[in-house]
Amino acid sequence: MTITKIITPEFRAEAVRLVEKEHQKPAHVAKELGVSPTAVREWVTKSRANTPAADDVTTLKKENEQLRQELRRAQQEKEILKKAAAFFAKELR
């Protein structure tokens, strides 16, 4: 009789964290968690593939700053339009 272990995404994330952040070897983590070293290495590889590269992060930061500037401008325009609407509403009375 074999016992099948249910492996949750949280379990995988913890294994990857131990390898990535705690700098433990995949074989050591696998032994501690009772899974195969191959599985841990695959989880780490998939995690790294899903992590944006440094160039992507730089691009995202630039895009984020540009969007923040556009948001500030739109907020300023909105305030100007509110004041103008209030002014013209006062004039019509």
PDB file of N, CA and C in Angstrom:
ATOM      1  N   MET A   1       0.845  -1.172   0.000  1.00  0.00           N
ATOM      2  CA  MET A   1       0.000   0.000   0.000  1.00  0.00           C
ATOM      3  C   MET A   1       0.898   1.245   0.000  1.00  0.00           C
ATOM      4  N   THR A   2       0.630   2.148  -0.936  1.00  0.00           N
ATOM      5  CA  THR A   2       1.395   3.379  -0.988  1.00  0.00           C
ATOM      6  C   THR A   2       0.539   4.532  -0.466  1.00  0.00           C
ATOM      7  N   ILE A   3       1.207   5.462   0.142  1.00  0.00           N
ATOM      8  CA  ILE A   3       0.523   6.647   0.654  1.00  0.00           C
ATOM      9  C   ILE A   3       0.853   7.798  -0.280  1.00  0.00           C
ATOM     10  N   THR A   4      -0.176   8.416  -0.826  1.00  0.00           N
ATOM     11  CA  THR A   4       0.008   9.546  -1.724  1.00  0.00           C
ATOM     12  C   THR A   4      -0.024  10.829  -0.915  1.00  0.00           C
ATOM     13  N   LYS A   5       0.983  11.639  -1.103  1.00  0.00           N
ATOM     14  CA  LYS A   5       1.080  12.908  -0.389  1.00  0.00           C
ATOM     15  C   LYS A   5       0.444  13.998  -1.239  1.00  0.00           C
ATOM     16  N   ILE A   6      -0.449  14.771  -0.644  1.00  0.00           N
ATOM     17  CA  ILE A   6      -1.069  15.885  -1.359  1.00  0.00           C
ATOM     18  C   ILE A   6      -0.168  17.102  -1.181  1.00  0.00           C
ATOM     19  N   ILE A   7       0.256  17.644  -2.299  1.00  0.00           N
ATOM     20  CA  ILE A   7       1.186  18.771  -2.260  1.00  0.00           C
ATOM     21  C   ILE A   7       0.449  20.020  -2.709  1.00  0.00           C
ATOM     22  N   THR A   8       0.304  20.948  -1.786  1.00  0.00           N
ATOM     23  CA  THR A   8      -0.416  22.190  -2.051  1.00  0.00           C
ATOM     24  C   THR A   8       0.527  23.236  -2.646  1.00  0.00           C
ATOM     25  N   PRO A   9      -0.027  24.262  -3.262  1.00  0.00           N
ATOM     26  CA  PRO A   9       0.822  25.358  -3.762  1.00  0.00           C
ATOM     27  C   PRO A   9       1.625  26.020  -2.633  1.00  0.00           C
ATOM     28  N   GLU A  10       1.046  26.079  -1.447  1.00  0.00           N
ATOM     29  CA  GLU A  10       1.756  26.675  -0.304  1.00  0.00           C
ATOM     30  C   GLU A  10       2.975  25.830   0.070  1.00  0.00           C
ATOM     31  N   PHE A  11       2.808  24.514   0.007  1.00  0.00           N
ATOM     32  CA  PHE A  11       3.898  23.591   0.310  1.00  0.00           C
ATOM     33  C   PHE A  11       5.048  23.812  -0.674  1.00  0.00           C
ATOM     34  N   ARG A  12       4.689  23.904  -1.962  1.00  0.00           N
ATOM     35  CA  ARG A  12       5.706  24.142  -2.996  1.00  0.00           C
ATOM     36  C   ARG A  12       6.396  25.485  -2.781  1.00  0.00           C
ATOM     37  N   ALA A  13       5.593  26.502  -2.470  1.00  0.00           N
ATOM     38  CA  ALA A  13       6.157  27.837  -2.265  1.00  0.00           C
ATOM     39  C   ALA A  13       7.133  27.835  -1.098  1.00  0.00           C
ATOM     40  N   GLU A  14       6.820  27.094  -0.048  1.00  0.00           N
ATOM     41  CA  GLU A  14       7.718  27.020   1.109  1.00  0.00           C
ATOM     42  C   GLU A  14       9.013  26.314   0.727  1.00  0.00           C
ATOM     43  N   ALA A  15       8.916  25.260  -0.065  1.00  0.00           N
ATOM     44  CA  ALA A  15      10.120  24.564  -0.515  1.00  0.00           C
ATOM     45  C   ALA A  15      10.999  25.491  -1.349  1.00  0.00           C
ATOM     46  N   VAL A  16      10.376  26.234  -2.253  1.00  0.00           N
ATOM     47  CA  VAL A  16      11.119  27.173  -3.096  1.00  0.00           C
ATOM     48  C   VAL A  16      11.752  28.261  -2.229  1.00  0.00           C
ATOM     49  N   ARG A  17      11.002  28.753  -1.237  1.00  0.00           N
ATOM     50  CA  ARG A  17      11.533  29.782  -0.344  1.00  0.00           C
ATOM     51  C   ARG A  17      12.767  29.283   0.404  1.00  0.00           C
ATOM     52  N   LEU A  18      12.728  28.043   0.873  1.00  0.00           N
ATOM     53  CA  LEU A  18      13.878  27.484   1.587  1.00  0.00           C
ATOM     54  C   LEU A  18      15.114  27.431   0.690  1.00  0.00           C
ATOM     55  N   VAL A  19      14.902  27.081  -0.573  1.00  0.00           N
ATOM     56  CA  VAL A  19      16.030  27.012  -1.511  1.00  0.00           C
ATOM     57  C   VAL A  19      16.509  28.409  -1.878  1.00  0.00           C
ATOM     58  N   GLU A  20      15.573  29.292  -2.221  1.00  0.00           N
ATOM     59  CA  GLU A  20      15.927  30.633  -2.708  1.00  0.00           C
ATOM     60  C   GLU A  20      16.397  31.573  -1.599  1.00  0.00           C
ATOM     61  N   LYS A  21      15.616  31.686  -0.554  1.00  0.00           N
ATOM     62  CA  LYS A  21      15.885  32.694   0.475  1.00  0.00           C
ATOM     63  C   LYS A  21      16.812  32.181   1.580  1.00  0.00           C
ATOM     64  N   GLU A  22      16.669  30.916   1.933  1.00  0.00           N
ATOM     65  CA  GLU A  22      17.485  30.344   3.009  1.00  0.00           C
ATOM     66  C   GLU A  22      18.764  29.704   2.469  1.00  0.00           C
ATOM     67  N   HIS A  23      18.884  29.672   1.150  1.00  0.00           N
ATOM     68  CA  HIS A  23      20.074  29.147   0.471  1.00  0.00           C
ATOM     69  C   HIS A  23      20.381  27.697   0.861  1.00  0.00           C
ATOM     70  N   GLN A  24      19.315  26.916   0.996  1.00  0.00           N
ATOM     71  CA  GLN A  24      19.502  25.498   1.279  1.00  0.00           C
ATOM     72  C   GLN A  24      19.521  24.736  -0.043  1.00  0.00           C
ATOM     73  N   LYS A  25      20.195  23.621  -0.049  1.00  0.00           N
ATOM     74  CA  LYS A  25      20.273  22.815  -1.264  1.00  0.00           C
ATOM     75  C   LYS A  25      18.942  22.095  -1.485  1.00  0.00           C
ATOM     76  N   PRO A  26      18.532  21.962  -2.751  1.00  0.00           N
ATOM     77  CA  PRO A  26      17.269  21.283  -3.036  1.00  0.00           C
ATOM     78  C   PRO A  26      17.202  19.872  -2.449  1.00  0.00           C
ATOM     79  N   ALA A  27      18.307  19.157  -2.470  1.00  0.00           N
ATOM     80  CA  ALA A  27      18.317  17.791  -1.928  1.00  0.00           C
ATOM     81  C   ALA A  27      18.037  17.805  -0.428  1.00  0.00           C
ATOM     82  N   HIS A  28      18.600  18.773   0.273  1.00  0.00           N
ATOM     83  CA  HIS A  28      18.384  18.892   1.723  1.00  0.00           C
ATOM     84  C   HIS A  28      16.924  19.246   2.018  1.00  0.00           C
ATOM     85  N   VAL A  29      16.380  20.187   1.277  1.00  0.00           N
ATOM     86  CA  VAL A  29      14.984  20.591   1.457  1.00  0.00           C
ATOM     87  C   VAL A  29      14.062  19.415   1.158  1.00  0.00           C
ATOM     88  N   ALA A  30      14.358  18.676   0.091  1.00  0.00           N
ATOM     89  CA  ALA A  30      13.538  17.530  -0.285  1.00  0.00           C
ATOM     90  C   ALA A  30      13.530  16.482   0.823  1.00  0.00           C
ATOM     91  N   LYS A  31      14.694  16.237   1.389  1.00  0.00           N
ATOM     92  CA  LYS A  31      14.785  15.243   2.464  1.00  0.00           C
ATOM     93  C   LYS A  31      13.981  15.697   3.681  1.00  0.00           C
ATOM     94  N   GLU A  32      14.093  16.985   4.035  1.00  0.00           N
ATOM     95  CA  GLU A  32      13.357  17.522   5.183  1.00  0.00           C
ATOM     96  C   GLU A  32      11.849  17.422   4.973  1.00  0.00           C
ATOM     97  N   LEU A  33      11.395  17.682   3.747  1.00  0.00           N
ATOM     98  CA  LEU A  33       9.968  17.727   3.470  1.00  0.00           C
ATOM     99  C   LEU A  33       9.389  16.387   3.023  1.00  0.00           C
ATOM    100  N   GLY A  34      10.259  15.421   2.777  1.00  0.00           N
ATOM    101  CA  GLY A  34       9.783  14.103   2.390  1.00  0.00           C
ATOM    102  C   GLY A  34       9.311  14.008   0.955  1.00  0.00           C
ATOM    103  N   VAL A  35       9.954  14.757   0.070  1.00  0.00           N
ATOM    104  CA  VAL A  35       9.627  14.694  -1.356  1.00  0.00           C
ATOM    105  C   VAL A  35      10.907  14.427  -2.131  1.00  0.00           C
ATOM    106  N   SER A  36      10.778  14.210  -3.424  1.00  0.00           N
ATOM    107  CA  SER A  36      11.968  13.910  -4.221  1.00  0.00           C
ATOM    108  C   SER A  36      12.752  15.188  -4.532  1.00  0.00           C
ATOM    109  N   PRO A  37      14.069  15.079  -4.594  1.00  0.00           N
ATOM    110  CA  PRO A  37      14.889  16.242  -4.953  1.00  0.00           C
ATOM    111  C   PRO A  37      14.560  16.776  -6.344  1.00  0.00           C
ATOM    112  N   THR A  38      14.175  15.872  -7.248  1.00  0.00           N
ATOM    113  CA  THR A  38      13.815  16.295  -8.604  1.00  0.00           C
ATOM    114  C   THR A  38      12.606  17.220  -8.571  1.00  0.00           C
ATOM    115  N   ALA A  39      11.636  16.884  -7.742  1.00  0.00           N
ATOM    116  CA  ALA A  39      10.434  17.720  -7.637  1.00  0.00           C
ATOM    117  C   ALA A  39      10.799  19.110  -7.138  1.00  0.00           C
ATOM    118  N   VAL A  40      11.641  19.180  -6.116  1.00  0.00           N
ATOM    119  CA  VAL A  40      12.031  20.481  -5.559  1.00  0.00           C
ATOM    120  C   VAL A  40      12.770  21.300  -6.614  1.00  0.00           C
ATOM    121  N   ARG A  41      13.674  20.650  -7.352  1.00  0.00           N
ATOM    122  CA  ARG A  41      14.400  21.380  -8.403  1.00  0.00           C
ATOM    123  C   ARG A  41      13.444  21.893  -9.476  1.00  0.00           C
ATOM    124  N   GLU A  42      12.451  21.092  -9.835  1.00  0.00           N
ATOM    125  CA  GLU A  42      11.463  21.530 -10.831  1.00  0.00           C
ATOM    126  C   GLU A  42      10.659  22.717 -10.324  1.00  0.00           C
ATOM    127  N   TRP A  43      10.268  22.684  -9.050  1.00  0.00           N
ATOM    128  CA  TRP A  43       9.501  23.798  -8.472  1.00  0.00           C
ATOM    129  C   TRP A  43      10.321  25.080  -8.489  1.00  0.00           C
ATOM    130  N   VAL A  44      11.618  24.948  -8.155  1.00  0.00           N
ATOM    131  CA  VAL A  44      12.492  26.121  -8.144  1.00  0.00           C
ATOM    132  C   VAL A  44      12.653  26.664  -9.560  1.00  0.00           C
ATOM    133  N   THR A  45      12.839  25.773 -10.525  1.00  0.00           N
ATOM    134  CA  THR A  45      12.994  26.191 -11.922  1.00  0.00           C
ATOM    135  C   THR A  45      11.744  26.910 -12.413  1.00  0.00           C
ATOM    136  N   LYS A  46      10.561  26.356 -12.114  1.00  0.00           N
ATOM    137  CA  LYS A  46       9.316  26.995 -12.530  1.00  0.00           C
ATOM    138  C   LYS A  46       9.130  28.344 -11.850  1.00  0.00           C
ATOM    139  N   SER A  47       9.522  28.422 -10.599  1.00  0.00           N
ATOM    140  CA  SER A  47       9.404  29.686  -9.862  1.00  0.00           C
ATOM    141  C   SER A  47      10.293  30.751 -10.486  1.00  0.00           C
ATOM    142  N   ARG A  48      11.501  30.364 -10.837  1.00  0.00           N
ATOM    143  CA  ARG A  48      12.429  31.319 -11.460  1.00  0.00           C
ATOM    144  C   ARG A  48      11.922  31.758 -12.822  1.00  0.00           C
ATOM    145  N   ALA A  49      11.275  30.861 -13.553  1.00  0.00           N
ATOM    146  CA  ALA A  49      10.736  31.205 -14.867  1.00  0.00           C
ATOM    147  C   ALA A  49       9.583  32.195 -14.742  1.00  0.00           C
ATOM    148  N   ASN A  50       8.867  32.142 -13.618  1.00  0.00           N
ATOM    149  CA  ASN A  50       7.734  33.042 -13.399  1.00  0.00           C
ATOM    150  C   ASN A  50       8.145  34.373 -12.796  1.00  0.00           C
ATOM    151  N   THR A  51       9.390  34.494 -12.367  1.00  0.00           N
ATOM    152  CA  THR A  51       9.888  35.731 -11.773  1.00  0.00           C
ATOM    153  C   THR A  51      10.396  36.639 -12.885  1.00  0.00           C
ATOM    154  N   PRO A  52       9.972  37.908 -12.891  1.00  0.00           N
ATOM    155  CA  PRO A  52      10.448  38.801 -13.956  1.00  0.00           C
ATOM    156  C   PRO A  52      11.955  39.022 -13.892  1.00  0.00           C
ATOM    157  N   ALA A  53      12.578  39.105 -15.040  1.00  0.00           N
ATOM    158  CA  ALA A  53      14.013  39.356 -15.119  1.00  0.00           C
ATOM    159  C   ALA A  53      14.300  40.806 -14.739  1.00  0.00           C
ATOM    160  N   ALA A  54      15.565  41.123 -14.517  1.00  0.00           N
ATOM    161  CA  ALA A  54      15.962  42.470 -14.107  1.00  0.00           C
ATOM    162  C   ALA A  54      15.524  43.520 -15.133  1.00  0.00           C
ATOM    163  N   ASP A  55      15.637  43.191 -16.420  1.00  0.00           N
ATOM    164  CA  ASP A  55      15.218  44.126 -17.467  1.00  0.00           C
ATOM    165  C   ASP A  55      13.717  44.378 -17.385  1.00  0.00           C
ATOM    166  N   ASP A  56      12.971  43.318 -17.115  1.00  0.00           N
ATOM    167  CA  ASP A  56      11.523  43.464 -16.988  1.00  0.00           C
ATOM    168  C   ASP A  56      11.174  44.356 -15.810  1.00  0.00           C
ATOM    169  N   VAL A  57      11.895  44.199 -14.715  1.00  0.00           N
ATOM    170  CA  VAL A  57      11.632  45.007 -13.523  1.00  0.00           C
ATOM    171  C   VAL A  57      11.912  46.476 -13.812  1.00  0.00           C
ATOM    172  N   THR A  58      13.005  46.749 -14.507  1.00  0.00           N
ATOM    173  CA  THR A  58      13.345  48.123 -14.866  1.00  0.00           C
ATOM    174  C   THR A  58      12.265  48.721 -15.753  1.00  0.00           C
ATOM    175  N   THR A  59      11.822  47.957 -16.719  1.00  0.00           N
ATOM    176  CA  THR A  59      10.761  48.417 -17.617  1.00  0.00           C
ATOM    177  C   THR A  59       9.484  48.685 -16.830  1.00  0.00           C
ATOM    178  N   LEU A  60       9.152  47.787 -15.915  1.00  0.00           N
ATOM    179  CA  LEU A  60       7.948  47.971 -15.107  1.00  0.00           C
ATOM    180  C   LEU A  60       8.052  49.212 -14.224  1.00  0.00           C
ATOM    181  N   LYS A  61       9.239  49.468 -13.686  1.00  0.00           N
ATOM    182  CA  LYS A  61       9.426  50.666 -12.852  1.00  0.00           C
ATOM    183  C   LYS A  61       9.237  51.935 -13.675  1.00  0.00           C
ATOM    184  N   LYS A  62       9.783  51.948 -14.887  1.00  0.00           N
ATOM    185  CA  LYS A  62       9.629  53.117 -15.761  1.00  0.00           C
ATOM    186  C   LYS A  62       8.161  53.320 -16.124  1.00  0.00           C
ATOM    187  N   GLU A  63       7.489  52.233 -16.458  1.00  0.00           N
ATOM    188  CA  GLU A  63       6.080  52.321 -16.806  1.00  0.00           C
ATOM    189  C   GLU A  63       5.256  52.797 -15.607  1.00  0.00           C
ATOM    190  N   ASN A  64       5.602  52.291 -14.431  1.00  0.00           N
ATOM    191  CA  ASN A  64       4.906  52.696 -13.207  1.00  0.00           C
ATOM    192  C   ASN A  64       5.066  54.195 -12.959  1.00  0.00           C
ATOM    193  N   GLU A  65       6.262  54.718 -13.122  1.00  0.00           N
ATOM    194  CA  GLU A  65       6.510  56.146 -12.918  1.00  0.00           C
ATOM    195  C   GLU A  65       5.734  56.974 -13.944  1.00  0.00           C
ATOM    196  N   GLN A  66       5.716  56.520 -15.194  1.00  0.00           N
ATOM    197  CA  GLN A  66       4.973  57.226 -16.230  1.00  0.00           C
ATOM    198  C   GLN A  66       3.480  57.251 -15.893  1.00  0.00           C
ATOM    199  N   LEU A  67       2.957  56.136 -15.431  1.00  0.00           N
ATOM    200  CA  LEU A  67       1.541  56.072 -15.065  1.00  0.00           C
ATOM    201  C   LEU A  67       1.223  56.961 -13.872  1.00  0.00           C
ATOM    202  N   ARG A  68       2.147  57.040 -12.923  1.00  0.00           N
ATOM    203  CA  ARG A  68       1.950  57.935 -11.773  1.00  0.00           C
ATOM    204  C   ARG A  68       1.883  59.393 -12.225  1.00  0.00           C
ATOM    205  N   GLN A  69       2.761  59.763 -13.176  1.00  0.00           N
ATOM    206  CA  GLN A  69       2.752  61.127 -13.696  1.00  0.00           C
ATOM    207  C   GLN A  69       1.438  61.419 -14.418  1.00  0.00           C
ATOM    208  N   GLU A  70       0.974  60.471 -15.210  1.00  0.00           N
ATOM    209  CA  GLU A  70      -0.298  60.647 -15.911  1.00  0.00           C
ATOM    210  C   GLU A  70      -1.450  60.775 -14.924  1.00  0.00           C
ATOM    211  N   LEU A  71      -1.405  60.002 -13.851  1.00  0.00           N
ATOM    212  CA  LEU A  71      -2.447  60.076 -12.830  1.00  0.00           C
ATOM    213  C   LEU A  71      -2.446  61.441 -12.157  1.00  0.00           C
ATOM    214  N   ARG A  72      -1.259  61.945 -11.809  1.00  0.00           N
ATOM    215  CA  ARG A  72      -1.169  63.277 -11.190  1.00  0.00           C
ATOM    216  C   ARG A  72      -1.749  64.343 -12.111  1.00  0.00           C
ATOM    217  N   ARG A  73      -1.428  64.248 -13.397  1.00  0.00           N
ATOM    218  CA  ARG A  73      -1.932  65.228 -14.360  1.00  0.00           C
ATOM    219  C   ARG A  73      -3.458  65.147 -14.466  1.00  0.00           C
ATOM    220  N   ALA A  74      -3.974  63.921 -14.521  1.00  0.00           N
ATOM    221  CA  ALA A  74      -5.423  63.742 -14.621  1.00  0.00           C
ATOM    222  C   ALA A  74      -6.123  64.271 -13.369  1.00  0.00           C
ATOM    223  N   GLN A  75      -5.515  64.084 -12.202  1.00  0.00           N
ATOM    224  CA  GLN A  75      -6.099  64.598 -10.965  1.00  0.00           C
ATOM    225  C   GLN A  75      -6.108  66.128 -10.958  1.00  0.00           C
ATOM    226  N   GLN A  76      -5.029  66.722 -11.456  1.00  0.00           N
ATOM    227  CA  GLN A  76      -4.967  68.183 -11.538  1.00  0.00           C
ATOM    228  C   GLN A  76      -6.039  68.710 -12.498  1.00  0.00           C
ATOM    229  N   GLU A  77      -6.179  68.044 -13.641  1.00  0.00           N
ATOM    230  CA  GLU A  77      -7.195  68.464 -14.610  1.00  0.00           C
ATOM    231  C   GLU A  77      -8.595  68.338 -14.011  1.00  0.00           C
ATOM    232  N   LYS A  78      -8.823  67.287 -13.270  1.00  0.00           N
ATOM    233  CA  LYS A  78     -10.115  67.078 -12.625  1.00  0.00           C
ATOM    234  C   LYS A  78     -10.419  68.212 -11.650  1.00  0.00           C
ATOM    235  N   GLU A  79      -9.426  68.609 -10.869  1.00  0.00           N
ATOM    236  CA  GLU A  79      -9.610  69.712  -9.907  1.00  0.00           C
ATOM    237  C   GLU A  79      -9.922  71.024 -10.636  1.00  0.00           C
ATOM    238  N   ILE A  80      -9.225  71.275 -11.738  1.00  0.00           N
ATOM    239  CA  ILE A  80      -9.470  72.490 -12.521  1.00  0.00           C
ATOM    240  C   ILE A  80     -10.895  72.477 -13.071  1.00  0.00           C
ATOM    241  N   LEU A  81     -11.324  71.335 -13.575  1.00  0.00           N
ATOM    242  CA  LEU A  81     -12.681  71.225 -14.123  1.00  0.00           C
ATOM    243  C   LEU A  81     -13.739  71.404 -13.033  1.00  0.00           C
ATOM    244  N   LYS A  82     -13.477  70.900 -11.838  1.00  0.00           N
ATOM    245  CA  LYS A  82     -14.420  71.094 -10.725  1.00  0.00           C
ATOM    246  C   LYS A  82     -14.578  72.573 -10.414  1.00  0.00           C
ATOM    247  N   LYS A  83     -13.427  73.265 -10.344  1.00  0.00           N
ATOM    248  CA  LYS A  83     -13.454  74.699 -10.037  1.00  0.00           C
ATOM    249  C   LYS A  83     -14.172  75.474 -11.142  1.00  0.00           C
ATOM    250  N   ALA A  84     -13.912  75.087 -12.389  1.00  0.00           N
ATOM    251  CA  ALA A  84     -14.563  75.771 -13.508  1.00  0.00           C
ATOM    252  C   ALA A  84     -16.070  75.521 -13.484  1.00  0.00           C
ATOM    253  N   ALA A  85     -16.476  74.313 -13.184  1.00  0.00           N
ATOM    254  CA  ALA A  85     -17.891  73.992 -13.124  1.00  0.00           C
ATOM    255  C   ALA A  85     -18.566  74.772 -11.998  1.00  0.00           C
ATOM    256  N   ALA A  86     -17.899  74.859 -10.867  1.00  0.00           N
ATOM    257  CA  ALA A  86     -18.453  75.629  -9.752  1.00  0.00           C
ATOM    258  C   ALA A  86     -18.566  77.118 -10.110  1.00  0.00           C
ATOM    259  N   PHE A  87     -17.571  77.650 -10.796  1.00  0.00           N
ATOM    260  CA  PHE A  87     -17.563  79.059 -11.211  1.00  0.00           C
ATOM    261  C   PHE A  87     -18.723  79.338 -12.150  1.00  0.00           C
ATOM    262  N   PHE A  88     -18.895  78.494 -13.176  1.00  0.00           N
ATOM    263  CA  PHE A  88     -19.955  78.729 -14.147  1.00  0.00           C
ATOM    264  C   PHE A  88     -21.340  78.473 -13.546  1.00  0.00           C
ATOM    265  N   ALA A  89     -21.438  77.552 -12.603  1.00  0.00           N
ATOM    266  CA  ALA A  89     -22.726  77.323 -11.949  1.00  0.00           C
ATOM    267  C   ALA A  89     -23.107  78.551 -11.130  1.00  0.00           C
ATOM    268  N   LYS A  90     -22.136  79.183 -10.518  1.00  0.00           N
ATOM    269  CA  LYS A  90     -22.364  80.407  -9.724  1.00  0.00           C
ATOM    270  C   LYS A  90     -22.783  81.538 -10.654  1.00  0.00           C
ATOM    271  N   GLU A  91     -22.168  81.628 -11.829  1.00  0.00           N
ATOM    272  CA  GLU A  91     -22.468  82.708 -12.796  1.00  0.00           C
ATOM    273  C   GLU A  91     -23.902  82.588 -13.330  1.00  0.00           C
ATOM    274  N   LEU A  92     -24.402  81.378 -13.486  1.00  0.00           N
ATOM    275  CA  LEU A  92     -25.736  81.185 -14.057  1.00  0.00           C
ATOM    276  C   LEU A  92     -26.852  81.543 -13.088  1.00  0.00           C
ATOM    277  N   ARG A  93     -26.567  81.664 -11.821  1.00  0.00           N
ATOM    278  CA  ARG A  93     -27.616  81.977 -10.842  1.00  0.00           C
ATOM    279  C   ARG A  93     -28.012  83.396 -10.881  1.00  0.00           C
TER     280      ARG A  93
END
